[in-house]
């Protein structure tokens, strides 16, 4: 969960930082509420997409772990059967 919060902070910080830097570079103190709203909506969409990719990745990791566990059990069973056969 900590990693997700870290990613969210990065997604929030970068666009807001860019907006602040642009205002400083322009030499103005005016804050355009519509620009901030647009930046926040963009960040929300990007965060939702990132969350979905993270969920997909975690699901694929879980499936891979299940397959690995199955393979390990299968190999252990095959090794046990080999040892029990006479003349091996």
PDB file of N, CA and C in Angstrom:
ATOM      1  N   UNK A   1       0.825  -1.190   0.000  1.00  0.00           N
ATOM      2  CA  UNK A   1       0.000   0.000   0.000  1.00  0.00           C
ATOM      3  C   UNK A   1       0.863   1.245   0.000  1.00  0.00           C
ATOM      4  N   UNK A   2       2.011   1.180   0.673  1.00  0.00           N
ATOM      5  CA  UNK A   2       2.907   2.322   0.716  1.00  0.00           C
ATOM      6  C   UNK A   2       3.402   2.710  -0.664  1.00  0.00           C
ATOM      7  N   UNK A   3       3.644   1.702  -1.512  1.00  0.00           N
ATOM      8  CA  UNK A   3       4.117   1.975  -2.863  1.00  0.00           C
ATOM      9  C   UNK A   3       3.058   2.719  -3.662  1.00  0.00           C
ATOM     10  N   UNK A   4       1.800   2.329  -3.490  1.00  0.00           N
ATOM     11  CA  UNK A   4       0.709   2.983  -4.202  1.00  0.00           C
ATOM     12  C   UNK A   4       0.595   4.447  -3.787  1.00  0.00           C
ATOM     13  N   UNK A   5       0.764   4.718  -2.513  1.00  0.00           N
ATOM     14  CA  UNK A   5       0.735   6.102  -2.026  1.00  0.00           C
ATOM     15  C   UNK A   5       1.888   6.884  -2.626  1.00  0.00           C
ATOM     16  N   UNK A   6       3.058   6.270  -2.686  1.00  0.00           N
ATOM     17  CA  UNK A   6       4.229   6.915  -3.281  1.00  0.00           C
ATOM     18  C   UNK A   6       3.959   7.265  -4.744  1.00  0.00           C
ATOM     19  N   UNK A   7       3.401   6.333  -5.487  1.00  0.00           N
ATOM     20  CA  UNK A   7       3.080   6.571  -6.898  1.00  0.00           C
ATOM     21  C   UNK A   7       2.053   7.693  -7.026  1.00  0.00           C
ATOM     22  N   UNK A   8       1.060   7.675  -6.152  1.00  0.00           N
ATOM     23  CA  UNK A   8       0.031   8.722  -6.191  1.00  0.00           C
ATOM     24  C   UNK A   8       0.650  10.092  -5.925  1.00  0.00           C
ATOM     25  N   UNK A   9       1.554  10.170  -4.977  1.00  0.00           N
ATOM     26  CA  UNK A   9       2.208  11.449  -4.687  1.00  0.00           C
ATOM     27  C   UNK A   9       3.016  11.943  -5.878  1.00  0.00           C
ATOM     28  N   UNK A  10       3.663  11.038  -6.562  1.00  0.00           N
ATOM     29  CA  UNK A  10       4.428  11.430  -7.749  1.00  0.00           C
ATOM     30  C   UNK A  10       3.482  11.966  -8.816  1.00  0.00           C
ATOM     31  N   UNK A  11       2.374  11.256  -9.046  1.00  0.00           N
ATOM     32  CA  UNK A  11       1.421  11.695 -10.069  1.00  0.00           C
ATOM     33  C   UNK A  11       0.781  13.032  -9.710  1.00  0.00           C
ATOM     34  N   UNK A  12       0.589  13.261  -8.430  1.00  0.00           N
ATOM     35  CA  UNK A  12       0.002  14.533  -8.001  1.00  0.00           C
ATOM     36  C   UNK A  12       1.046  15.637  -8.056  1.00  0.00           C
ATOM     37  N   UNK A  13       2.241  15.330  -7.602  1.00  0.00           N
ATOM     38  CA  UNK A  13       3.285  16.341  -7.487  1.00  0.00           C
ATOM     39  C   UNK A  13       3.818  16.855  -8.806  1.00  0.00           C
ATOM     40  N   UNK A  14       3.993  16.009  -9.775  1.00  0.00           N
ATOM     41  CA  UNK A  14       4.614  16.422 -11.035  1.00  0.00           C
ATOM     42  C   UNK A  14       3.769  17.470 -11.773  1.00  0.00           C
ATOM     43  N   UNK A  15       2.485  17.225 -12.045  1.00  0.00           N
ATOM     44  CA  UNK A  15       1.712  18.251 -12.760  1.00  0.00           C
ATOM     45  C   UNK A  15       1.553  19.547 -11.962  1.00  0.00           C
ATOM     46  N   UNK A  16       1.340  19.421 -10.669  1.00  0.00           N
ATOM     47  CA  UNK A  16       1.204  20.629  -9.850  1.00  0.00           C
ATOM     48  C   UNK A  16       2.527  21.384  -9.827  1.00  0.00           C
ATOM     49  N   UNK A  17       3.621  20.666  -9.707  1.00  0.00           N
ATOM     50  CA  UNK A  17       4.941  21.307  -9.740  1.00  0.00           C
ATOM     51  C   UNK A  17       5.185  22.016 -11.060  1.00  0.00           C
ATOM     52  N   UNK A  18       4.789  21.384 -12.155  1.00  0.00           N
ATOM     53  CA  UNK A  18       4.950  22.009 -13.469  1.00  0.00           C
ATOM     54  C   UNK A  18       4.108  23.273 -13.574  1.00  0.00           C
ATOM     55  N   UNK A  19       2.888  23.216 -13.047  1.00  0.00           N
ATOM     56  CA  UNK A  19       2.010  24.385 -13.103  1.00  0.00           C
ATOM     57  C   UNK A  19       2.590  25.535 -12.282  1.00  0.00           C
ATOM     58  N   UNK A  20       3.115  25.223 -11.123  1.00  0.00           N
ATOM     59  CA  UNK A  20       3.726  26.256 -10.275  1.00  0.00           C
ATOM     60  C   UNK A  20       4.966  26.823 -10.955  1.00  0.00           C
ATOM     61  N   UNK A  21       5.780  25.954 -11.522  1.00  0.00           N
ATOM     62  CA  UNK A  21       6.985  26.418 -12.218  1.00  0.00           C
ATOM     63  C   UNK A  21       6.628  27.314 -13.400  1.00  0.00           C
ATOM     64  N   UNK A  22       5.569  26.965 -14.115  1.00  0.00           N
ATOM     65  CA  UNK A  22       5.149  27.785 -15.254  1.00  0.00           C
ATOM     66  C   UNK A  22       4.700  29.169 -14.779  1.00  0.00           C
ATOM     67  N   UNK A  23       3.987  29.209 -13.659  1.00  0.00           N
ATOM     68  CA  UNK A  23       3.549  30.503 -13.127  1.00  0.00           C
ATOM     69  C   UNK A  23       4.730  31.341 -12.670  1.00  0.00           C
ATOM     70  N   UNK A  24       5.687  30.695 -12.027  1.00  0.00           N
ATOM     71  CA  UNK A  24       6.885  31.422 -11.571  1.00  0.00           C
ATOM     72  C   UNK A  24       7.644  31.946 -12.781  1.00  0.00           C
ATOM     73  N   UNK A  25       7.805  31.106 -13.807  1.00  0.00           N
ATOM     74  CA  UNK A  25       8.531  31.525 -15.006  1.00  0.00           C
ATOM     75  C   UNK A  25       7.810  32.669 -15.719  1.00  0.00           C
ATOM     76  N   UNK A  26       6.487  32.653 -15.678  1.00  0.00           N
ATOM     77  CA  UNK A  26       5.715  33.708 -16.328  1.00  0.00           C
ATOM     78  C   UNK A  26       5.701  34.993 -15.499  1.00  0.00           C
ATOM     79  N   UNK A  27       6.127  34.879 -14.247  1.00  0.00           N
ATOM     80  CA  UNK A  27       6.171  36.048 -13.386  1.00  0.00           C
ATOM     81  C   UNK A  27       4.803  36.499 -12.913  1.00  0.00           C
ATOM     82  N   UNK A  28       3.890  35.586 -12.814  1.00  0.00           N
ATOM     83  CA  UNK A  28       2.545  35.941 -12.371  1.00  0.00           C
ATOM     84  C   UNK A  28       2.163  35.157 -11.129  1.00  0.00           C
ATOM     85  N   UNK A  29       1.339  35.762 -10.314  1.00  0.00           N
ATOM     86  CA  UNK A  29       0.862  35.088  -9.110  1.00  0.00           C
ATOM     87  C   UNK A  29      -0.566  34.585  -9.293  1.00  0.00           C
ATOM     88  N   UNK A  30      -1.153  34.869 -10.452  1.00  0.00           N
ATOM     89  CA  UNK A  30      -2.528  34.467 -10.713  1.00  0.00           C
ATOM     90  C   UNK A  30      -2.618  32.956 -10.873  1.00  0.00           C
ATOM     91  N   UNK A  31      -3.586  32.379 -10.198  1.00  0.00           N
ATOM     92  CA  UNK A  31      -3.822  30.948 -10.292  1.00  0.00           C
ATOM     93  C   UNK A  31      -5.133  30.740 -11.038  1.00  0.00           C
ATOM     94  N   UNK A  32      -5.060  30.083 -12.184  1.00  0.00           N
ATOM     95  CA  UNK A  32      -6.253  29.822 -12.992  1.00  0.00           C
ATOM     96  C   UNK A  32      -6.944  28.573 -12.449  1.00  0.00           C
ATOM     97  N   UNK A  33      -8.101  28.742 -11.838  1.00  0.00           N
ATOM     98  CA  UNK A  33      -8.793  27.580 -11.266  1.00  0.00           C
ATOM     99  C   UNK A  33      -9.117  26.508 -12.304  1.00  0.00           C
ATOM    100  N   UNK A  34      -9.451  26.926 -13.526  1.00  0.00           N
ATOM    101  CA  UNK A  34      -9.770  25.942 -14.565  1.00  0.00           C
ATOM    102  C   UNK A  34      -8.542  25.111 -14.923  1.00  0.00           C
ATOM    103  N   UNK A  35      -7.373  25.741 -14.966  1.00  0.00           N
ATOM    104  CA  UNK A  35      -6.136  25.007 -15.268  1.00  0.00           C
ATOM    105  C   UNK A  35      -5.836  24.003 -14.167  1.00  0.00           C
ATOM    106  N   UNK A  36      -6.060  24.408 -12.928  1.00  0.00           N
ATOM    107  CA  UNK A  36      -5.825  23.484 -11.807  1.00  0.00           C
ATOM    108  C   UNK A  36      -6.828  22.337 -11.873  1.00  0.00           C
ATOM    109  N   UNK A  37      -8.090  22.643 -12.150  1.00  0.00           N
ATOM    110  CA  UNK A  37      -9.122  21.616 -12.252  1.00  0.00           C
ATOM    111  C   UNK A  37      -8.772  20.622 -13.370  1.00  0.00           C
ATOM    112  N   UNK A  38      -8.334  21.153 -14.506  1.00  0.00           N
ATOM    113  CA  UNK A  38      -7.961  20.297 -15.641  1.00  0.00           C
ATOM    114  C   UNK A  38      -6.772  19.415 -15.278  1.00  0.00           C
ATOM    115  N   UNK A  39      -5.779  20.010 -14.606  1.00  0.00           N
ATOM    116  CA  UNK A  39      -4.595  19.233 -14.191  1.00  0.00           C
ATOM    117  C   UNK A  39      -4.986  18.137 -13.210  1.00  0.00           C
ATOM    118  N   UNK A  40      -5.879  18.442 -12.282  1.00  0.00           N
ATOM    119  CA  UNK A  40      -6.320  17.438 -11.306  1.00  0.00           C
ATOM    120  C   UNK A  40      -7.118  16.322 -11.979  1.00  0.00           C
ATOM    121  N   UNK A  41      -7.968  16.668 -12.935  1.00  0.00           N
ATOM    122  CA  UNK A  41      -8.721  15.641 -13.661  1.00  0.00           C
ATOM    123  C   UNK A  41      -7.782  14.739 -14.453  1.00  0.00           C
ATOM    124  N   UNK A  42      -6.774  15.344 -15.072  1.00  0.00           N
ATOM    125  CA  UNK A  42      -5.779  14.565 -15.812  1.00  0.00           C
ATOM    126  C   UNK A  42      -5.036  13.615 -14.872  1.00  0.00           C
ATOM    127  N   UNK A  43      -4.660  14.132 -13.703  1.00  0.00           N
ATOM    128  CA  UNK A  43      -3.963  13.288 -12.724  1.00  0.00           C
ATOM    129  C   UNK A  43      -4.856  12.150 -12.255  1.00  0.00           C
ATOM    130  N   UNK A  44      -6.151  12.439 -12.062  1.00  0.00           N
ATOM    131  CA  UNK A  44      -7.079  11.405 -11.624  1.00  0.00           C
ATOM    132  C   UNK A  44      -7.169  10.285 -12.658  1.00  0.00           C
ATOM    133  N   UNK A  45      -7.276  10.657 -13.933  1.00  0.00           N
ATOM    134  CA  UNK A  45      -7.337   9.648 -15.002  1.00  0.00           C
ATOM    135  C   UNK A  45      -6.048   8.828 -15.053  1.00  0.00           C
ATOM    136  N   UNK A  46      -4.912   9.506 -14.924  1.00  0.00           N
ATOM    137  CA  UNK A  46      -3.632   8.792 -14.953  1.00  0.00           C
ATOM    138  C   UNK A  46      -3.491   7.876 -13.743  1.00  0.00           C
ATOM    139  N   UNK A  47      -3.956   8.321 -12.586  1.00  0.00           N
ATOM    140  CA  UNK A  47      -3.877   7.499 -11.381  1.00  0.00           C
ATOM    141  C   UNK A  47      -4.773   6.269 -11.502  1.00  0.00           C
ATOM    142  N   UNK A  48      -5.972   6.452 -12.030  1.00  0.00           N
ATOM    143  CA  UNK A  48      -6.876   5.315 -12.229  1.00  0.00           C
ATOM    144  C   UNK A  48      -6.250   4.304 -13.179  1.00  0.00           C
ATOM    145  N   UNK A  49      -5.648   4.790 -14.257  1.00  0.00           N
ATOM    146  CA  UNK A  49      -4.991   3.892 -15.220  1.00  0.00           C
ATOM    147  C   UNK A  49      -3.820   3.161 -14.557  1.00  0.00           C
ATOM    148  N   UNK A  50      -3.072   3.872 -13.730  1.00  0.00           N
ATOM    149  CA  UNK A  50      -1.934   3.251 -13.038  1.00  0.00           C
ATOM    150  C   UNK A  50      -2.416   2.205 -12.048  1.00  0.00           C
ATOM    151  N   UNK A  51      -3.482   2.504 -11.329  1.00  0.00           N
ATOM    152  CA  UNK A  51      -4.041   1.527 -10.397  1.00  0.00           C
ATOM    153  C   UNK A  51      -4.482   0.271 -11.133  1.00  0.00           C
ATOM    154  N   UNK A  52      -5.105   0.438 -12.286  1.00  0.00           N
ATOM    155  CA  UNK A  52      -5.559  -0.716 -13.062  1.00  0.00           C
ATOM    156  C   UNK A  52      -4.375  -1.557 -13.527  1.00  0.00           C
ATOM    157  N   UNK A  53      -3.326  -0.877 -14.009  1.00  0.00           N
ATOM    158  CA  UNK A  53      -2.128  -1.621 -14.440  1.00  0.00           C
ATOM    159  C   UNK A  53      -1.498  -2.345 -13.262  1.00  0.00           C
ATOM    160  N   UNK A  54      -1.490  -1.727 -12.089  1.00  0.00           N
ATOM    161  CA  UNK A  54      -0.931  -2.368 -10.899  1.00  0.00           C
ATOM    162  C   UNK A  54      -1.766  -3.580 -10.513  1.00  0.00           C
ATOM    163  N   UNK A  55      -3.091  -3.441 -10.533  1.00  0.00           N
ATOM    164  CA  UNK A  55      -3.959  -4.581 -10.228  1.00  0.00           C
ATOM    165  C   UNK A  55      -3.741  -5.720 -11.220  1.00  0.00           C
ATOM    166  N   UNK A  56      -3.633  -5.397 -12.501  1.00  0.00           N
ATOM    167  CA  UNK A  56      -3.379  -6.415 -13.524  1.00  0.00           C
ATOM    168  C   UNK A  56      -2.046  -7.116 -13.275  1.00  0.00           C
ATOM    169  N   UNK A  57      -1.039  -6.338 -12.931  1.00  0.00           N
ATOM    170  CA  UNK A  57       0.288  -6.906 -12.670  1.00  0.00           C
ATOM    171  C   UNK A  57       0.257  -7.811 -11.449  1.00  0.00           C
ATOM    172  N   UNK A  58      -0.429  -7.388 -10.393  1.00  0.00           N
ATOM    173  CA  UNK A  58      -0.530  -8.220  -9.195  1.00  0.00           C
ATOM    174  C   UNK A  58      -1.294  -9.508  -9.481  1.00  0.00           C
ATOM    175  N   UNK A  59      -2.316  -9.424 -10.319  1.00  0.00           N
ATOM    176  CA  UNK A  59      -3.064 -10.625 -10.687  1.00  0.00           C
ATOM    177  C   UNK A  59      -2.180 -11.595 -11.477  1.00  0.00           C
ATOM    178  N   UNK A  60      -1.413 -11.056 -12.414  1.00  0.00           N
ATOM    179  CA  UNK A  60      -0.508 -11.908 -13.194  1.00  0.00           C
ATOM    180  C   UNK A  60       0.563 -12.525 -12.300  1.00  0.00           C
ATOM    181  N   UNK A  61       1.048 -11.756 -11.321  1.00  0.00           N
ATOM    182  CA  UNK A  61       2.045 -12.277 -10.390  1.00  0.00           C
ATOM    183  C   UNK A  61       1.448 -13.412  -9.568  1.00  0.00           C
ATOM    184  N   UNK A  62       0.224 -13.234  -9.108  1.00  0.00           N
ATOM    185  CA  UNK A  62      -0.447 -14.274  -8.332  1.00  0.00           C
ATOM    186  C   UNK A  62      -0.611 -15.551  -9.153  1.00  0.00           C
ATOM    187  N   UNK A  63      -1.020 -15.403 -10.403  1.00  0.00           N
ATOM    188  CA  UNK A  63      -1.165 -16.567 -11.281  1.00  0.00           C
ATOM    189  C   UNK A  63       0.182 -17.254 -11.491  1.00  0.00           C
ATOM    190  N   UNK A  64       1.236 -16.476 -11.655  1.00  0.00           N
ATOM    191  CA  UNK A  64       2.572 -17.054 -11.849  1.00  0.00           C
ATOM    192  C   UNK A  64       3.024 -17.808 -10.595  1.00  0.00           C
ATOM    193  N   UNK A  65       2.714 -17.257  -9.431  1.00  0.00           N
ATOM    194  CA  UNK A  65       3.068 -17.937  -8.183  1.00  0.00           C
ATOM    195  C   UNK A  65       2.328 -19.262  -8.060  1.00  0.00           C
ATOM    196  N   UNK A  66       1.043 -19.283  -8.433  1.00  0.00           N
ATOM    197  CA  UNK A  66       0.277 -20.530  -8.395  1.00  0.00           C
ATOM    198  C   UNK A  66       0.876 -21.569  -9.340  1.00  0.00           C
ATOM    199  N   UNK A  67       1.262 -21.144 -10.524  1.00  0.00           N
ATOM    200  CA  UNK A  67       1.866 -22.067 -11.486  1.00  0.00           C
ATOM    201  C   UNK A  67       3.203 -22.591 -10.972  1.00  0.00           C
ATOM    202  N   UNK A  68       3.986 -21.733 -10.354  1.00  0.00           N
ATOM    203  CA  UNK A  68       5.264 -22.156  -9.799  1.00  0.00           C
ATOM    204  C   UNK A  68       5.056 -23.169  -8.681  1.00  0.00           C
ATOM    205  N   UNK A  69       4.087 -22.898  -7.799  1.00  0.00           N
ATOM    206  CA  UNK A  69       3.790 -23.839  -6.717  1.00  0.00           C
ATOM    207  C   UNK A  69       3.373 -25.196  -7.285  1.00  0.00           C
ATOM    208  N   UNK A  70       2.516 -25.177  -8.299  1.00  0.00           N
ATOM    209  CA  UNK A  70       2.074 -26.429  -8.919  1.00  0.00           C
ATOM    210  C   UNK A  70       3.265 -27.190  -9.502  1.00  0.00           C
ATOM    211  N   UNK A  71       4.132 -26.474 -10.201  1.00  0.00           N
ATOM    212  CA  UNK A  71       5.296 -27.107 -10.824  1.00  0.00           C
ATOM    213  C   UNK A  71       6.220 -27.697  -9.766  1.00  0.00           C
ATOM    214  N   UNK A  72       6.429 -26.964  -8.673  1.00  0.00           N
ATOM    215  CA  UNK A  72       7.279 -27.479  -7.595  1.00  0.00           C
ATOM    216  C   UNK A  72       6.691 -28.751  -6.997  1.00  0.00           C
ATOM    217  N   UNK A  73       5.357 -28.763  -6.774  1.00  0.00           N
ATOM    218  CA  UNK A  73       4.724 -29.966  -6.218  1.00  0.00           C
ATOM    219  C   UNK A  73       4.840 -31.137  -7.192  1.00  0.00           C
ATOM    220  N   UNK A  74       4.662 -30.870  -8.466  1.00  0.00           N
ATOM    221  CA  UNK A  74       4.755 -31.914  -9.487  1.00  0.00           C
ATOM    222  C   UNK A  74       6.169 -32.498  -9.536  1.00  0.00           C
ATOM    223  N   UNK A  75       7.162 -31.624  -9.532  1.00  0.00           N
ATOM    224  CA  UNK A  75       8.551 -32.094  -9.562  1.00  0.00           C
ATOM    225  C   UNK A  75       8.906 -32.879  -8.309  1.00  0.00           C
ATOM    226  N   UNK A  76       8.417 -32.446  -7.163  1.00  0.00           N
ATOM    227  CA  UNK A  76       8.675 -33.163  -5.915  1.00  0.00           C
ATOM    228  C   UNK A  76       8.039 -34.542  -5.961  1.00  0.00           C
ATOM    229  N   UNK A  77       6.802 -34.609  -6.477  1.00  0.00           N
ATOM    230  CA  UNK A  77       6.109 -35.896  -6.577  1.00  0.00           C
ATOM    231  C   UNK A  77       6.850 -36.824  -7.532  1.00  0.00           C
ATOM    232  N   UNK A  78       7.308 -36.304  -8.670  1.00  0.00           N
ATOM    233  CA  UNK A  78       8.036 -37.132  -9.640  1.00  0.00           C
ATOM    234  C   UNK A  78       9.343 -37.635  -9.041  1.00  0.00           C
ATOM    235  N   UNK A  79      10.020 -36.765  -8.268  1.00  0.00           N
ATOM    236  CA  UNK A  79      11.281 -37.167  -7.641  1.00  0.00           C
ATOM    237  C   UNK A  79      11.037 -38.249  -6.592  1.00  0.00           C
ATOM    238  N   UNK A  80       9.940 -38.120  -5.835  1.00  0.00           N
ATOM    239  CA  UNK A  80       9.609 -39.120  -4.823  1.00  0.00           C
ATOM    240  C   UNK A  80       9.294 -40.458  -5.463  1.00  0.00           C
ATOM    241  N   UNK A  81       8.565 -40.435  -6.559  1.00  0.00           N
ATOM    242  CA  UNK A  81       8.219 -41.675  -7.256  1.00  0.00           C
ATOM    243  C   UNK A  81       9.470 -42.336  -7.828  1.00  0.00           C
ATOM    244  N   UNK A  82      10.412 -41.569  -8.288  1.00  0.00           N
ATOM    245  CA  UNK A  82      11.659 -42.101  -8.835  1.00  0.00           C
ATOM    246  C   UNK A  82      12.441 -42.836  -7.741  1.00  0.00           C
ATOM    247  N   UNK A  83      12.452 -42.247  -6.553  1.00  0.00           N
ATOM    248  CA  UNK A  83      13.212 -42.836  -5.455  1.00  0.00           C
ATOM    249  C   UNK A  83      12.560 -44.117  -4.947  1.00  0.00           C
ATOM    250  N   UNK A  84      11.255 -44.254  -5.093  1.00  0.00           N
ATOM    251  CA  UNK A  84      10.548 -45.425  -4.584  1.00  0.00           C
ATOM    252  C   UNK A  84      10.627 -46.613  -5.542  1.00  0.00           C
ATOM    253  N   UNK A  85      10.921 -46.376  -6.817  1.00  0.00           N
ATOM    254  CA  UNK A  85      10.997 -47.467  -7.793  1.00  0.00           C
ATOM    255  C   UNK A  85      12.241 -48.304  -7.530  1.00  0.00           C
ATOM    256  N   UNK A  86      12.089 -49.627  -7.524  1.00  0.00           N
ATOM    257  CA  UNK A  86      13.274 -50.473  -7.348  1.00  0.00           C
ATOM    258  C   UNK A  86      14.141 -50.441  -8.599  1.00  0.00           C
ATOM    259  N   UNK A  87      15.445 -50.464  -8.379  1.00  0.00           N
ATOM    260  CA  UNK A  87      16.391 -50.487  -9.472  1.00  0.00           C
ATOM    261  C   UNK A  87      16.701 -49.099 -10.013  1.00  0.00           C
ATOM    262  N   UNK A  88      16.286 -48.066  -9.312  1.00  0.00           N
ATOM    263  CA  UNK A  88      16.566 -46.709  -9.788  1.00  0.00           C
ATOM    264  C   UNK A  88      17.894 -46.249  -9.292  1.00  0.00           C
TER     265      UNK A  88
END
